[in-house]
Amino acid sequence: SSVATRQDLTTFHLIPPRVTFGVL
């Protein structure tokens, strides 16, 4: 019952949110 009203129960965060390799 404590979480039954929440809609977004599963969520992910990417750390870092983008990848920049630079000059290769």
PDB file of all heavy atoms in Angstrom:
ATOM      1  N   SER A   1       0.804  -1.215   0.000  1.00  0.00           N
ATOM      2  CA  SER A   1       0.000   0.000   0.000  1.00  0.00           C
ATOM      3  C   SER A   1       0.839   1.268   0.000  1.00  0.00           C
ATOM      4  O   SER A   1       0.413   2.294  -0.480  1.00  0.00           O
ATOM      5  CB  SER A   1      -0.933   0.007   1.207  1.00  0.00           C
ATOM      6  OG  SER A   1      -0.158   0.028   2.397  1.00  0.00           O
ATOM      7  N   SER A   2       2.064   1.212   0.515  1.00  0.00           N
ATOM      8  CA  SER A   2       2.890   2.417   0.575  1.00  0.00           C
ATOM      9  C   SER A   2       3.371   2.873  -0.798  1.00  0.00           C
ATOM     10  O   SER A   2       3.663   4.039  -0.987  1.00  0.00           O
ATOM     11  CB  SER A   2       4.100   2.189   1.486  1.00  0.00           C
ATOM     12  OG  SER A   2       4.910   1.164   0.954  1.00  0.00           O
ATOM     13  N   VAL A   3       3.439   1.968  -1.756  1.00  0.00           N
ATOM     14  CA  VAL A   3       3.906   2.354  -3.086  1.00  0.00           C
ATOM     15  C   VAL A   3       2.872   2.086  -4.175  1.00  0.00           C
ATOM     16  O   VAL A   3       3.148   2.259  -5.339  1.00  0.00           O
ATOM     17  CB  VAL A   3       5.228   1.635  -3.446  1.00  0.00           C
ATOM     18  CG1 VAL A   3       6.342   2.075  -2.545  1.00  0.00           C
ATOM     19  CG2 VAL A   3       5.054   0.146  -3.439  1.00  0.00           C
ATOM     20  N   ALA A   4       1.669   1.679  -3.791  1.00  0.00           N
ATOM     21  CA  ALA A   4       0.660   1.313  -4.780  1.00  0.00           C
ATOM     22  C   ALA A   4       0.180   2.509  -5.589  1.00  0.00           C
ATOM     23  O   ALA A   4      -0.267   2.351  -6.708  1.00  0.00           O
ATOM     24  CB  ALA A   4      -0.533   0.646  -4.088  1.00  0.00           C
ATOM     25  N   THR A   5       0.286   3.724  -5.067  1.00  0.00           N
ATOM     26  CA  THR A   5      -0.209   4.897  -5.781  1.00  0.00           C
ATOM     27  C   THR A   5       0.837   5.509  -6.697  1.00  0.00           C
ATOM     28  O   THR A   5       0.509   6.326  -7.531  1.00  0.00           O
ATOM     29  CB  THR A   5      -0.670   5.976  -4.785  1.00  0.00           C
ATOM     30  OG1 THR A   5       0.442   6.326  -3.955  1.00  0.00           O
ATOM     31  CG2 THR A   5      -1.812   5.475  -3.941  1.00  0.00           C
ATOM     32  N   ARG A   6       2.084   5.111  -6.586  1.00  0.00           N
ATOM     33  CA  ARG A   6       3.133   5.670  -7.441  1.00  0.00           C
ATOM     34  C   ARG A   6       3.049   5.063  -8.825  1.00  0.00           C
ATOM     35  O   ARG A   6       2.865   3.872  -8.987  1.00  0.00           O
ATOM     36  CB  ARG A   6       4.512   5.393  -6.842  1.00  0.00           C
ATOM     37  CG  ARG A   6       4.710   6.192  -5.579  1.00  0.00           C
ATOM     38  CD  ARG A   6       6.132   6.268  -5.173  1.00  0.00           C
ATOM     39  NE  ARG A   6       6.984   6.634  -6.297  1.00  0.00           N
ATOM     40  CZ  ARG A   6       8.286   6.468  -6.274  1.00  0.00           C
ATOM     41  NH1 ARG A   6       8.870   5.968  -5.237  1.00  0.00           N
ATOM     42  NH2 ARG A   6       9.010   6.820  -7.303  1.00  0.00           N
ATOM     43  N   GLN A   7       3.197   5.890  -9.837  1.00  0.00           N
ATOM     44  CA  GLN A   7       3.129   5.416 -11.211  1.00  0.00           C
ATOM     45  C   GLN A   7       4.497   4.983 -11.732  1.00  0.00           C
ATOM     46  O   GLN A   7       4.612   3.989 -12.410  1.00  0.00           O
ATOM     47  CB  GLN A   7       2.567   6.520 -12.117  1.00  0.00           C
ATOM     48  CG  GLN A   7       1.139   6.894 -11.779  1.00  0.00           C
ATOM     49  CD  GLN A   7       0.184   5.749 -12.018  1.00  0.00           C
ATOM     50  OE1 GLN A   7       0.335   5.013 -12.970  1.00  0.00           O
ATOM     51  NE2 GLN A   7      -0.794   5.588 -11.163  1.00  0.00           N
ATOM     52  N   ASP A   8       5.536   5.754 -11.444  1.00  0.00           N
ATOM     53  CA  ASP A   8       6.865   5.478 -11.980  1.00  0.00           C
ATOM     54  C   ASP A   8       7.679   4.720 -10.943  1.00  0.00           C
ATOM     55  O   ASP A   8       8.475   5.279 -10.218  1.00  0.00           O
ATOM     56  CB  ASP A   8       7.547   6.794 -12.359  1.00  0.00           C
ATOM     57  CG  ASP A   8       8.834   6.576 -13.119  1.00  0.00           C
ATOM     58  OD1 ASP A   8       9.034   5.462 -13.637  1.00  0.00           O
ATOM     59  OD2 ASP A   8       9.642   7.518 -13.190  1.00  0.00           O
ATOM     60  N   LEU A   9       7.468   3.395 -10.848  1.00  0.00           N
ATOM     61  CA  LEU A   9       8.135   2.592  -9.841  1.00  0.00           C
ATOM     62  C   LEU A   9       9.503   2.102 -10.296  1.00  0.00           C
ATOM     63  O   LEU A   9      10.309   1.685  -9.496  1.00  0.00           O
ATOM     64  CB  LEU A   9       7.257   1.394  -9.467  1.00  0.00           C
ATOM     65  CG  LEU A   9       5.915   1.743  -8.849  1.00  0.00           C
ATOM     66  CD1 LEU A   9       5.104   0.476  -8.625  1.00  0.00           C
ATOM     67  CD2 LEU A   9       6.085   2.482  -7.551  1.00  0.00           C
ATOM     68  N   THR A  10       9.751   2.129 -11.571  1.00  0.00           N
ATOM     69  CA  THR A  10      11.030   1.665 -12.105  1.00  0.00           C
ATOM     70  C   THR A  10      11.638   2.779 -12.933  1.00  0.00           C
ATOM     71  O   THR A  10      11.020   3.259 -13.867  1.00  0.00           O
ATOM     72  CB  THR A  10      10.822   0.431 -12.997  1.00  0.00           C
ATOM     73  OG1 THR A  10      10.121  -0.544 -12.257  1.00  0.00           O
ATOM     74  CG2 THR A  10      12.141  -0.132 -13.455  1.00  0.00           C
ATOM     75  N   THR A  11      12.822   3.181 -12.584  1.00  0.00           N
ATOM     76  CA  THR A  11      13.489   4.215 -13.353  1.00  0.00           C
ATOM     77  C   THR A  11      14.995   4.047 -13.236  1.00  0.00           C
ATOM     78  O   THR A  11      15.498   3.597 -12.216  1.00  0.00           O
ATOM     79  CB  THR A  11      13.037   5.617 -12.908  1.00  0.00           C
ATOM     80  OG1 THR A  11      13.673   6.590 -13.725  1.00  0.00           O
ATOM     81  CG2 THR A  11      13.363   5.890 -11.461  1.00  0.00           C
ATOM     82  N   PHE A  12      15.691   4.365 -14.308  1.00  0.00           N
ATOM     83  CA  PHE A  12      17.136   4.243 -14.354  1.00  0.00           C
ATOM     84  C   PHE A  12      17.763   5.601 -14.621  1.00  0.00           C
ATOM     85  O   PHE A  12      17.182   6.436 -15.311  1.00  0.00           O
ATOM     86  CB  PHE A  12      17.570   3.287 -15.477  1.00  0.00           C
ATOM     87  CG  PHE A  12      17.314   1.848 -15.192  1.00  0.00           C
ATOM     88  CD1 PHE A  12      16.217   1.200 -15.718  1.00  0.00           C
ATOM     89  CD2 PHE A  12      18.186   1.127 -14.396  1.00  0.00           C
ATOM     90  CE1 PHE A  12      15.988  -0.138 -15.469  1.00  0.00           C
ATOM     91  CE2 PHE A  12      17.963  -0.219 -14.139  1.00  0.00           C
ATOM     92  CZ  PHE A  12      16.865  -0.844 -14.674  1.00  0.00           C
ATOM     93  N   HIS A  13      18.959   5.799 -14.092  1.00  0.00           N
ATOM     94  CA  HIS A  13      19.776   6.959 -14.410  1.00  0.00           C
ATOM     95  C   HIS A  13      21.102   6.449 -14.955  1.00  0.00           C
ATOM     96  O   HIS A  13      21.671   5.494 -14.420  1.00  0.00           O
ATOM     97  CB  HIS A  13      20.039   7.818 -13.175  1.00  0.00           C
ATOM     98  CG  HIS A  13      18.849   8.571 -12.703  1.00  0.00           C
ATOM     99  ND1 HIS A  13      18.209   9.514 -13.470  1.00  0.00           N
ATOM    100  CD2 HIS A  13      18.186   8.528 -11.536  1.00  0.00           C
ATOM    101  CE1 HIS A  13      17.200  10.022 -12.783  1.00  0.00           C
ATOM    102  NE2 HIS A  13      17.154   9.429 -11.607  1.00  0.00           N
ATOM    103  N   LEU A  14      21.596   7.108 -16.001  1.00  0.00           N
ATOM    104  CA  LEU A  14      22.888   6.772 -16.566  1.00  0.00           C
ATOM    105  C   LEU A  14      23.930   7.747 -16.035  1.00  0.00           C
ATOM    106  O   LEU A  14      23.732   8.959 -16.076  1.00  0.00           O
ATOM    107  CB  LEU A  14      22.838   6.857 -18.096  1.00  0.00           C
ATOM    108  CG  LEU A  14      21.909   5.863 -18.778  1.00  0.00           C
ATOM    109  CD1 LEU A  14      21.799   6.175 -20.255  1.00  0.00           C
ATOM    110  CD2 LEU A  14      22.404   4.450 -18.571  1.00  0.00           C
ATOM    111  N   ILE A  15      25.024   7.217 -15.525  1.00  0.00           N
ATOM    112  CA  ILE A  15      26.094   8.058 -14.989  1.00  0.00           C
ATOM    113  C   ILE A  15      27.380   7.666 -15.693  1.00  0.00           C
ATOM    114  O   ILE A  15      27.856   6.551 -15.490  1.00  0.00           O
ATOM    115  CB  ILE A  15      26.240   7.872 -13.462  1.00  0.00           C
ATOM    116  CG1 ILE A  15      24.904   8.160 -12.792  1.00  0.00           C
ATOM    117  CG2 ILE A  15      27.336   8.760 -12.912  1.00  0.00           C
ATOM    118  CD1 ILE A  15      24.861   7.775 -11.332  1.00  0.00           C
ATOM    119  N   PRO A  16      27.957   8.498 -16.517  1.00  0.00           N
ATOM    120  CA  PRO A  16      27.517   9.813 -16.981  1.00  0.00           C
ATOM    121  C   PRO A  16      26.387   9.690 -18.010  1.00  0.00           C
ATOM    122  O   PRO A  16      26.229   8.640 -18.634  1.00  0.00           O
ATOM    123  CB  PRO A  16      28.776  10.392 -17.643  1.00  0.00           C
ATOM    124  CG  PRO A  16      29.525   9.209 -18.121  1.00  0.00           C
ATOM    125  CD  PRO A  16      29.242   8.110 -17.123  1.00  0.00           C
ATOM    126  N   PRO A  17      25.601  10.758 -18.205  1.00  0.00           N
ATOM    127  CA  PRO A  17      24.466  10.687 -19.123  1.00  0.00           C
ATOM    128  C   PRO A  17      24.857  10.691 -20.602  1.00  0.00           C
ATOM    129  O   PRO A  17      24.030  10.456 -21.458  1.00  0.00           O
ATOM    130  CB  PRO A  17      23.650  11.932 -18.776  1.00  0.00           C
ATOM    131  CG  PRO A  17      24.612  12.861 -18.133  1.00  0.00           C
ATOM    132  CD  PRO A  17      25.646  12.026 -17.467  1.00  0.00           C
ATOM    133  N   ARG A  18      26.116  10.972 -20.913  1.00  0.00           N
ATOM    134  CA  ARG A  18      26.621  10.932 -22.293  1.00  0.00           C
ATOM    135  C   ARG A  18      28.097  10.578 -22.260  1.00  0.00           C
ATOM    136  O   ARG A  18      28.767  10.809 -21.260  1.00  0.00           O
ATOM    137  CB  ARG A  18      26.386  12.252 -23.016  1.00  0.00           C
ATOM    138  CG  ARG A  18      27.173  13.420 -22.479  1.00  0.00           C
ATOM    139  CD  ARG A  18      26.761  14.755 -23.085  1.00  0.00           C
ATOM    140  NE  ARG A  18      25.349  15.037 -23.036  1.00  0.00           N
ATOM    141  CZ  ARG A  18      24.709  15.522 -21.967  1.00  0.00           C
ATOM    142  NH1 ARG A  18      25.373  15.777 -20.882  1.00  0.00           N
ATOM    143  NH2 ARG A  18      23.423  15.745 -21.998  1.00  0.00           N
ATOM    144  N   VAL A  19      28.598  10.000 -23.354  1.00  0.00           N
ATOM    145  CA  VAL A  19      29.996   9.588 -23.430  1.00  0.00           C
ATOM    146  C   VAL A  19      30.669  10.362 -24.559  1.00  0.00           C
ATOM    147  O   VAL A  19      30.180  10.359 -25.687  1.00  0.00           O
ATOM    148  CB  VAL A  19      30.119   8.068 -23.694  1.00  0.00           C
ATOM    149  CG1 VAL A  19      31.571   7.679 -23.895  1.00  0.00           C
ATOM    150  CG2 VAL A  19      29.509   7.278 -22.549  1.00  0.00           C
ATOM    151  N   THR A  20      31.772  11.030 -24.236  1.00  0.00           N
ATOM    152  CA  THR A  20      32.580  11.721 -25.230  1.00  0.00           C
ATOM    153  C   THR A  20      33.989  11.157 -25.139  1.00  0.00           C
ATOM    154  O   THR A  20      34.674  11.356 -24.140  1.00  0.00           O
ATOM    155  CB  THR A  20      32.583  13.242 -24.980  1.00  0.00           C
ATOM    156  OG1 THR A  20      31.238  13.705 -24.941  1.00  0.00           O
ATOM    157  CG2 THR A  20      33.339  13.965 -26.083  1.00  0.00           C
ATOM    158  N   PHE A  21      34.404  10.447 -26.171  1.00  0.00           N
ATOM    159  CA  PHE A  21      35.725   9.838 -26.165  1.00  0.00           C
ATOM    160  C   PHE A  21      36.820  10.851 -26.490  1.00  0.00           C
ATOM    161  O   PHE A  21      37.963  10.654 -26.128  1.00  0.00           O
ATOM    162  CB  PHE A  21      35.789   8.680 -27.175  1.00  0.00           C
ATOM    163  CG  PHE A  21      35.195   7.404 -26.659  1.00  0.00           C
ATOM    164  CD1 PHE A  21      33.933   7.003 -27.049  1.00  0.00           C
ATOM    165  CD2 PHE A  21      35.897   6.596 -25.794  1.00  0.00           C
ATOM    166  CE1 PHE A  21      33.379   5.822 -26.584  1.00  0.00           C
ATOM    167  CE2 PHE A  21      35.364   5.412 -25.327  1.00  0.00           C
ATOM    168  CZ  PHE A  21      34.099   5.023 -25.719  1.00  0.00           C
ATOM    169  N   GLY A  22      36.506  11.908 -27.205  1.00  0.00           N
ATOM    170  CA  GLY A  22      37.521  12.881 -27.598  1.00  0.00           C
ATOM    171  C   GLY A  22      38.179  12.465 -28.902  1.00  0.00           C
ATOM    172  O   GLY A  22      37.577  11.823 -29.752  1.00  0.00           O
ATOM    173  N   VAL A  23      39.463  12.813 -29.078  1.00  0.00           N
ATOM    174  CA  VAL A  23      40.191  12.486 -30.302  1.00  0.00           C
ATOM    175  C   VAL A  23      40.866  11.128 -30.130  1.00  0.00           C
ATOM    176  O   VAL A  23      41.605  10.910 -29.177  1.00  0.00           O
ATOM    177  CB  VAL A  23      41.240  13.576 -30.628  1.00  0.00           C
ATOM    178  CG1 VAL A  23      42.011  13.216 -31.880  1.00  0.00           C
ATOM    179  CG2 VAL A  23      40.568  14.930 -30.796  1.00  0.00           C
ATOM    180  N   LEU A  24      40.582  10.217 -31.060  1.00  0.00           N
ATOM    181  CA  LEU A  24      41.099   8.848 -30.993  1.00  0.00           C
ATOM    182  C   LEU A  24      42.015   8.568 -32.169  1.00  0.00           C
ATOM    183  O   LEU A  24      41.832   9.111 -33.260  1.00  0.00           O
ATOM    184  CB  LEU A  24      39.937   7.847 -31.012  1.00  0.00           C
ATOM    185  CG  LEU A  24      38.809   8.070 -30.010  1.00  0.00           C
ATOM    186  CD1 LEU A  24      37.736   7.022 -30.205  1.00  0.00           C
ATOM    187  CD2 LEU A  24      39.329   8.055 -28.601  1.00  0.00           C
TER     188      LEU A  24
END
